[in-house]
Amino acid sequence: MKALRFYAPEDVRLEDVPEPTCAPDEVKLRVRNCSTCGTDVKIFYNGHQNLTPPRTIGHEIAGEIVEVGADVNTTYGSSWEVGDRVQVIAAVPCGECHECRKGWMAVCQNQTSMGYQYDGGFAEFMIVPKQVLKVDGLNRIPDNVGFDEASAAEPFACAINAQELLGIEEGDTVVVFGAGPIGCMHIRIARGVHNCGPIYLVDVNDARLKMSADAVHPDGVINAAEVDVVEKVMELTGGRGADVIITATAANVAQEQAISMAARNGRISFFGGLPKTDPTITCDSNVVHYRQLHIHGANGSAPEHNKRALEYISTGQVPVKDLITRHIPLDDVLEAFQIVKKGEAIKVTVEPAPADVPAGV
């Protein structure tokens, strides 16, 4: 079968490898969609400390079951069958550490990940490891949700995790930095789940701002390359500032601007991590102190967030279909990385199994 294998930074190869075999406590999938994100691009160019090469990468996974290990259903109390349509969590908690026992699975200290410690979804077939099944991380896709939409449930789950930490209230003024797919998802969750508004989208790329704004219709867009973002937000809010700011971009300045533009009792999510070579920002502690600001990190998601994402997609509360603007066959998977890097699409999904391959084959 074909699989995209990471060997070293910028040494990523689409090659023929043996089809994986399914152990008694595992499930085997035919991958239908594996979507891409900025993290995949970072891995392509820089690798990752948790990724041991050679490794099949790809962590936004949806597919159908082609084999169920003999012990799976009895061990995990499940009822999986060949042909079931499923989505796979990316971040895999251990289920046993202090954080997991407290219900904080998104920050499990022993977390492993698909495409890092386990072979991922840029392949025709893959194995769902027992660690995923142990924490109920294999999710049934609702009948009215496509494989491409289901693959987007993983980044969607990360956005859900971030927003539930913020104590968002109806009518809050929201600013989202980053006009990529995750920024678009944040806008849709803020509006569709929390009934926020007005919502403003910030980026430095005019074309990307327009593309994303045409899809998710923020109440306004701000090009940070052309105007003083803090000054503009203060103007738009009558000098009060924004109630909620989400920095869905790996930019130090965005985090600093978020603190400066926050209203009293404002809530800030540092959603996008910063480069390891430049991970610090300047923070006026008195602004945080006197405005009583709340600054939150957001790290991935828990299995429950993935289930909620699929539910929101299924009910139409938070649609994602129109955010998937490019579908790429596995043969052209390396092109997907360039599209994401250049910001030429909102969401790019790779399709290892063509749509005309019958279910269960």
Protein backbone atom coordinates (compact mmCIF):
# COMPACT_ATOMS: atom_id res chain seq x y z
CA MET A 1 0.00 0.00 0.00
CA LYS A 2 1.00 3.66 -0.29
CA ALA A 3 1.89 5.71 2.77
CA LEU A 4 3.55 9.05 3.45
CA ARG A 5 6.59 8.37 5.61
CA PHE A 6 8.61 10.92 7.58
CA TYR A 7 12.35 10.18 7.71
CA ALA A 8 13.83 13.57 8.61
CA PRO A 9 12.96 17.25 8.20
CA GLU A 10 12.17 17.81 4.49
CA ASP A 11 12.73 14.10 3.85
CA VAL A 12 9.14 12.92 3.61
CA ARG A 13 8.38 10.19 1.08
CA LEU A 14 5.27 8.69 -0.45
CA GLU A 15 6.27 5.07 -0.80
CA ASP A 16 5.01 1.50 -0.99
CA VAL A 17 5.00 -0.25 2.38
CA PRO A 18 3.49 -3.51 3.60
CA GLU A 19 -0.19 -3.31 4.54
CA PRO A 20 -0.43 -3.36 8.36
CA THR A 21 -1.72 -6.43 10.18
CA CYS A 22 -4.34 -6.23 12.91
CA ALA A 23 -3.59 -7.61 16.38
CA PRO A 24 -6.39 -9.12 18.52
CA ASP A 25 -6.78 -5.86 20.50
CA GLU A 26 -6.68 -3.50 17.50
CA VAL A 27 -8.90 -2.29 14.67
CA LYS A 28 -7.83 -1.86 11.04
CA LEU A 29 -9.18 0.96 8.89
CA ARG A 30 -9.28 1.87 5.25
CA VAL A 31 -8.53 5.58 5.47
CA ARG A 32 -11.06 7.66 3.54
CA ASN A 33 -9.89 11.12 4.58
CA CYS A 34 -6.93 12.50 6.49
CA SER A 35 -7.00 16.28 6.63
CA THR A 36 -4.00 18.55 6.97
CA CYS A 37 -3.10 21.41 9.29
CA GLY A 38 -0.26 23.76 10.12
CA THR A 39 1.23 21.19 12.49
CA ASP A 40 1.76 18.83 9.55
CA VAL A 41 3.73 21.57 7.78
CA LYS A 42 5.83 22.13 10.93
CA ILE A 43 6.56 18.40 11.09
CA PHE A 44 7.50 18.36 7.39
CA TYR A 45 10.12 21.08 7.86
CA ASN A 46 11.22 20.62 11.48
CA GLY A 47 10.20 17.15 12.66
CA HIS A 48 8.91 16.72 16.21
CA GLN A 49 10.47 15.56 19.46
CA ASN A 50 7.78 12.87 19.91
CA LEU A 51 8.07 11.53 16.38
CA THR A 52 10.51 8.67 15.83
CA PRO A 53 11.27 8.07 12.14
CA PRO A 54 10.43 6.43 9.91
CA ARG A 55 6.78 7.15 10.68
CA THR A 56 3.57 7.43 8.68
CA ILE A 57 2.23 10.87 9.57
CA GLY A 58 -1.29 12.37 9.52
CA HIS A 59 -3.57 12.78 12.53
CA GLU A 60 -6.98 14.11 11.32
CA ILE A 61 -8.39 10.72 10.43
CA ALA A 62 -11.69 9.26 9.24
CA GLY A 63 -12.27 5.92 7.57
CA GLU A 64 -14.10 2.64 7.66
CA ILE A 65 -13.35 -0.52 9.55
CA VAL A 66 -12.04 -3.42 7.45
CA GLU A 67 -11.01 -5.71 10.33
CA VAL A 68 -11.87 -5.96 14.03
CA GLY A 69 -9.39 -7.74 16.29
CA ALA A 70 -10.77 -10.91 17.91
CA ASP A 71 -10.57 -9.47 21.44
CA VAL A 72 -11.67 -5.88 20.78
CA ASN A 73 -15.37 -6.00 21.56
CA THR A 74 -15.03 -8.18 24.63
CA THR A 75 -12.08 -6.19 26.01
CA TYR A 76 -13.50 -2.72 25.46
CA GLY A 77 -17.23 -3.39 25.71
CA SER A 78 -17.71 -2.17 22.15
CA SER A 79 -19.65 -3.49 19.15
CA TRP A 80 -17.46 -2.59 16.20
CA GLU A 81 -18.10 -4.30 12.89
CA VAL A 82 -16.52 -4.33 9.43
CA GLY A 83 -17.95 -1.46 7.41
CA ASP A 84 -18.51 0.89 10.36
CA ARG A 85 -17.64 4.51 9.56
CA VAL A 86 -15.35 5.98 12.22
CA GLN A 87 -13.29 8.99 13.28
CA VAL A 88 -10.10 8.62 15.31
CA ILE A 89 -8.85 10.94 18.06
CA ALA A 90 -5.36 12.39 17.49
CA ALA A 91 -4.19 13.07 21.05
CA VAL A 92 -4.32 9.82 23.03
CA PRO A 93 -4.50 10.15 26.84
CA CYS A 94 -3.33 7.31 29.07
CA GLY A 95 -6.52 7.30 31.15
CA GLU A 96 -4.59 6.55 34.34
CA CYS A 97 -2.45 9.54 35.39
CA HIS A 98 -3.48 12.24 37.89
CA GLU A 99 -4.71 14.54 35.13
CA CYS A 100 -6.79 11.83 33.43
CA ARG A 101 -8.34 10.79 36.75
CA LYS A 102 -9.27 14.44 37.34
CA GLY A 103 -10.98 14.53 33.94
CA TRP A 104 -8.24 16.69 32.35
CA MET A 105 -7.43 14.30 29.52
CA ALA A 106 -6.36 17.10 27.17
CA VAL A 107 -3.29 17.62 29.38
CA CYS A 108 -2.47 13.99 30.13
CA GLN A 109 1.17 13.82 31.19
CA ASN A 110 1.62 10.53 29.30
CA GLN A 111 -0.19 11.62 26.13
CA THR A 112 0.76 9.94 22.86
CA SER A 113 -0.49 10.85 19.40
CA MET A 114 -1.53 9.39 16.08
CA GLY A 115 1.12 10.10 13.47
CA TYR A 116 3.76 10.54 16.17
CA GLN A 117 4.12 7.39 18.31
CA TYR A 118 1.65 5.46 16.12
CA ASP A 119 1.45 5.36 12.34
CA GLY A 120 -1.07 7.91 11.11
CA GLY A 121 -3.59 8.47 8.36
CA PHE A 122 -1.70 9.53 5.23
CA ALA A 123 -1.95 5.93 4.07
CA GLU A 124 -4.40 3.59 2.40
CA PHE A 125 -4.78 1.49 5.57
CA MET A 126 -3.90 2.04 9.21
CA ILE A 127 -4.21 0.43 12.62
CA VAL A 128 -6.19 1.97 15.47
CA PRO A 129 -4.00 1.01 18.44
CA LYS A 130 -5.32 -0.42 21.67
CA GLN A 131 -4.44 2.82 23.48
CA VAL A 132 -7.11 4.65 21.44
CA LEU A 133 -9.72 1.95 22.07
CA LYS A 134 -8.91 1.92 25.78
CA VAL A 135 -9.96 5.59 26.20
CA ASP A 136 -13.02 5.35 23.90
CA GLY A 137 -11.24 7.33 21.19
CA LEU A 138 -12.78 5.62 18.16
CA ASN A 139 -16.01 7.42 17.29
CA ARG A 140 -18.90 6.38 15.09
CA ILE A 141 -19.55 8.90 12.31
CA PRO A 142 -23.22 9.99 12.13
CA ASP A 143 -24.97 8.87 8.96
CA ASN A 144 -25.40 12.42 7.65
CA VAL A 145 -21.71 13.34 8.11
CA GLY A 146 -19.20 12.71 5.33
CA PHE A 147 -15.74 11.26 5.83
CA ASP A 148 -14.19 14.61 4.93
CA GLU A 149 -16.29 16.43 7.53
CA ALA A 150 -15.50 13.77 10.14
CA SER A 151 -11.77 14.19 9.57
CA ALA A 152 -12.20 17.87 10.46
CA ALA A 153 -13.70 16.90 13.82
CA GLU A 154 -10.22 16.61 15.37
CA PRO A 155 -9.14 20.26 14.97
CA PHE A 156 -12.74 21.24 15.71
CA ALA A 157 -12.40 19.34 19.02
CA CYS A 158 -9.31 21.38 19.89
CA ALA A 159 -11.27 24.60 19.36
CA ILE A 160 -14.11 23.30 21.54
CA ASN A 161 -11.61 22.55 24.32
CA ALA A 162 -10.17 26.07 24.12
CA GLN A 163 -13.53 27.81 24.17
CA GLU A 164 -15.00 25.85 27.05
CA LEU A 165 -12.12 27.07 29.22
CA LEU A 166 -12.99 30.72 28.59
CA GLY A 167 -16.37 31.04 30.27
CA ILE A 168 -17.84 32.62 27.14
CA GLU A 169 -21.19 34.34 27.58
CA GLU A 170 -23.92 35.24 25.11
CA GLY A 171 -23.23 38.56 23.42
CA ASP A 172 -19.50 38.64 24.19
CA THR A 173 -17.37 40.61 21.75
CA VAL A 174 -14.84 38.19 20.27
CA VAL A 175 -11.60 38.75 18.34
CA VAL A 176 -9.99 35.81 16.53
CA PHE A 177 -6.40 36.13 15.29
CA GLY A 178 -5.68 33.84 12.34
CA ALA A 179 -7.83 33.39 9.23
CA GLY A 180 -6.93 29.75 8.77
CA PRO A 181 -9.28 26.78 9.18
CA ILE A 182 -9.02 26.78 12.96
CA GLY A 183 -9.80 30.49 13.11
CA CYS A 184 -12.88 29.84 10.98
CA MET A 185 -13.94 27.03 13.31
CA HIS A 186 -13.48 29.29 16.33
CA ILE A 187 -15.81 31.86 14.77
CA ARG A 188 -18.45 29.25 14.04
CA ILE A 189 -18.30 27.78 17.54
CA ALA A 190 -18.42 31.23 19.17
CA ARG A 191 -21.49 32.10 17.14
CA GLY A 192 -23.25 28.73 16.76
CA VAL A 193 -22.66 27.35 20.26
CA HIS A 194 -22.18 30.42 22.47
CA ASN A 195 -24.24 33.00 20.55
CA CYS A 196 -21.44 35.57 20.70
CA GLY A 197 -21.25 38.78 18.78
CA PRO A 198 -19.89 40.88 17.33
CA ILE A 199 -16.95 38.76 16.13
CA TYR A 200 -13.87 40.18 14.39
CA LEU A 201 -11.27 38.25 12.37
CA VAL A 202 -7.63 39.41 12.23
CA ASP A 203 -4.87 38.38 9.82
CA VAL A 204 -2.01 39.92 7.84
CA ASN A 205 -2.97 38.32 4.52
CA ASP A 206 -5.72 40.13 2.60
CA ALA A 207 -6.52 37.22 0.29
CA ARG A 208 -6.79 34.78 3.19
CA LEU A 209 -8.95 37.23 5.14
CA LYS A 210 -11.34 37.53 2.22
CA MET A 211 -11.47 33.79 1.56
CA SER A 212 -12.25 32.98 5.20
CA ALA A 213 -14.61 35.93 5.70
CA ASP A 214 -16.62 34.85 2.65
CA ALA A 215 -17.06 31.47 4.35
CA VAL A 216 -17.77 32.33 8.00
CA HIS A 217 -18.98 35.96 7.80
CA PRO A 218 -17.39 37.66 10.80
CA ASP A 219 -18.87 41.03 11.69
CA GLY A 220 -15.64 42.64 10.56
CA VAL A 221 -12.12 41.87 9.36
CA ILE A 222 -8.92 43.62 10.38
CA ASN A 223 -5.73 43.47 8.34
CA ALA A 224 -3.00 43.70 10.97
CA ALA A 225 -0.44 44.59 8.29
CA GLU A 226 -2.31 47.80 7.50
CA VAL A 227 -3.73 49.12 10.78
CA ASP A 228 -2.97 49.13 14.49
CA VAL A 229 -5.06 46.15 15.59
CA VAL A 230 -5.39 47.24 19.24
CA GLU A 231 -6.40 50.74 18.25
CA LYS A 232 -8.96 49.38 15.76
CA VAL A 233 -10.53 46.99 18.29
CA MET A 234 -10.78 49.77 20.85
CA GLU A 235 -12.48 51.94 18.24
CA LEU A 236 -14.93 49.18 17.32
CA THR A 237 -15.81 48.55 20.96
CA GLY A 238 -16.18 52.15 22.05
CA GLY A 239 -12.94 52.02 24.00
CA ARG A 240 -13.96 49.02 26.13
CA GLY A 241 -11.97 46.27 24.40
CA ALA A 242 -12.87 42.69 23.51
CA ASP A 243 -14.38 40.23 25.99
CA VAL A 244 -12.76 37.19 24.37
CA ILE A 245 -9.60 37.03 22.27
CA ILE A 246 -8.34 33.82 20.66
CA THR A 247 -4.87 33.77 19.10
CA ALA A 248 -5.14 30.97 16.54
CA THR A 249 -1.77 31.83 15.04
CA ALA A 250 1.85 31.24 16.00
CA ALA A 251 2.67 34.94 16.37
CA ASN A 252 4.22 36.51 19.45
CA VAL A 253 2.83 39.92 18.60
CA ALA A 254 -0.72 38.57 18.45
CA GLN A 255 -0.48 37.39 22.06
CA GLU A 256 0.87 40.75 23.17
CA GLN A 257 -1.88 42.57 21.28
CA ALA A 258 -4.49 40.28 22.81
CA ILE A 259 -3.52 41.42 26.30
CA SER A 260 -3.56 45.07 25.26
CA MET A 261 -7.02 44.92 23.65
CA ALA A 262 -8.78 42.87 26.35
CA ALA A 263 -11.71 44.44 28.16
CA ARG A 264 -12.00 44.30 31.94
CA ASN A 265 -12.53 40.70 32.98
CA GLY A 266 -11.46 39.74 29.46
CA ARG A 267 -10.59 36.17 28.61
CA ILE A 268 -7.70 35.27 26.34
CA SER A 269 -6.83 31.92 24.76
CA PHE A 270 -3.25 31.39 23.63
CA PHE A 271 -4.45 28.74 21.21
CA GLY A 272 -1.54 28.76 18.79
CA GLY A 273 1.82 27.74 20.19
CA LEU A 274 4.88 29.89 19.50
CA PRO A 275 8.09 28.76 17.79
CA LYS A 276 10.43 26.94 20.17
CA THR A 277 13.20 29.30 19.06
CA ASP A 278 11.19 32.34 20.18
CA PRO A 279 8.60 31.32 22.80
CA THR A 280 8.44 34.45 24.96
CA ILE A 281 6.36 37.61 24.87
CA THR A 282 6.34 40.93 26.71
CA CYS A 283 3.42 41.12 29.13
CA ASP A 284 2.42 44.21 31.08
CA SER A 285 1.51 42.48 34.32
CA ASN A 286 -0.30 45.55 35.60
CA VAL A 287 -2.73 45.36 32.67
CA VAL A 288 -3.50 41.75 33.62
CA HIS A 289 -3.78 42.73 37.28
CA TYR A 290 -5.93 45.85 37.07
CA ARG A 291 -8.22 44.65 34.28
CA GLN A 292 -8.57 41.27 36.01
CA LEU A 293 -7.71 39.38 32.83
CA HIS A 294 -7.84 35.61 32.43
CA ILE A 295 -5.17 34.08 30.18
CA HIS A 296 -5.60 30.44 29.20
CA GLY A 297 -3.47 27.97 27.38
CA ALA A 298 -5.19 25.41 25.14
CA ASN A 299 -3.55 22.11 24.37
CA GLY A 300 -5.28 19.74 21.99
CA SER A 301 -8.45 18.00 23.08
CA ALA A 302 -9.90 15.08 25.01
CA PRO A 303 -11.89 12.19 23.50
CA GLU A 304 -15.16 13.78 24.64
CA HIS A 305 -14.43 16.90 22.59
CA ASN A 306 -14.18 14.79 19.44
CA LYS A 307 -17.60 13.28 20.12
CA ARG A 308 -19.07 16.72 20.67
CA ALA A 309 -17.53 17.98 17.43
CA LEU A 310 -19.17 15.18 15.45
CA GLU A 311 -22.48 15.98 17.14
CA TYR A 312 -22.25 19.70 16.27
CA ILE A 313 -21.42 18.83 12.66
CA SER A 314 -24.28 16.34 12.43
CA THR A 315 -26.90 18.72 13.81
CA GLY A 316 -25.71 21.58 11.61
CA GLN A 317 -25.02 23.72 14.66
CA VAL A 318 -21.43 24.17 13.46
CA PRO A 319 -21.05 23.24 9.77
CA VAL A 320 -17.59 22.43 8.37
CA LYS A 321 -18.28 21.05 4.88
CA ASP A 322 -17.78 24.39 3.15
CA LEU A 323 -14.50 24.99 4.98
CA ILE A 324 -12.93 22.00 3.19
CA THR A 325 -11.97 23.77 -0.01
CA ARG A 326 -9.42 21.31 -1.46
CA HIS A 327 -9.61 17.52 -1.84
CA ILE A 328 -6.26 15.93 -2.78
CA PRO A 329 -5.62 12.27 -3.72
CA LEU A 330 -2.93 10.46 -1.74
CA ASP A 331 -0.71 10.38 -4.85
CA ASP A 332 -0.50 14.19 -4.62
CA VAL A 333 -0.22 14.43 -0.84
CA LEU A 334 3.01 16.47 -0.93
CA GLU A 335 1.13 19.15 -2.86
CA ALA A 336 -1.25 19.45 0.11
CA PHE A 337 1.61 20.60 2.34
CA GLN A 338 2.47 23.41 -0.05
CA ILE A 339 -1.17 24.52 -0.31
CA VAL A 340 -1.39 24.70 3.49
CA LYS A 341 1.96 26.48 3.78
CA LYS A 342 0.95 29.13 1.23
CA GLY A 343 -2.56 29.57 2.70
CA GLU A 344 -4.20 28.86 -0.65
CA ALA A 345 -7.17 27.02 0.85
CA ILE A 346 -9.13 27.05 4.08
CA LYS A 347 -8.99 23.33 4.83
CA VAL A 348 -7.20 20.71 2.74
CA THR A 349 -8.10 17.03 3.00
CA VAL A 350 -6.23 14.06 1.56
CA GLU A 351 -8.23 11.10 0.25
CA PRO A 352 -6.29 7.81 0.28
CA ALA A 353 -9.36 5.80 -0.80
CA PRO A 354 -11.21 7.15 -3.86
CA ALA A 355 -14.90 7.87 -3.43
CA ASP A 356 -15.78 5.09 -5.89
CA VAL A 357 -14.19 2.37 -3.74
CA PRO A 358 -17.19 0.49 -2.26
CA ALA A 359 -17.63 0.37 1.51
CA GLY A 360 -15.93 -2.56 3.18
CA VAL A 361 -13.61 -3.25 0.25
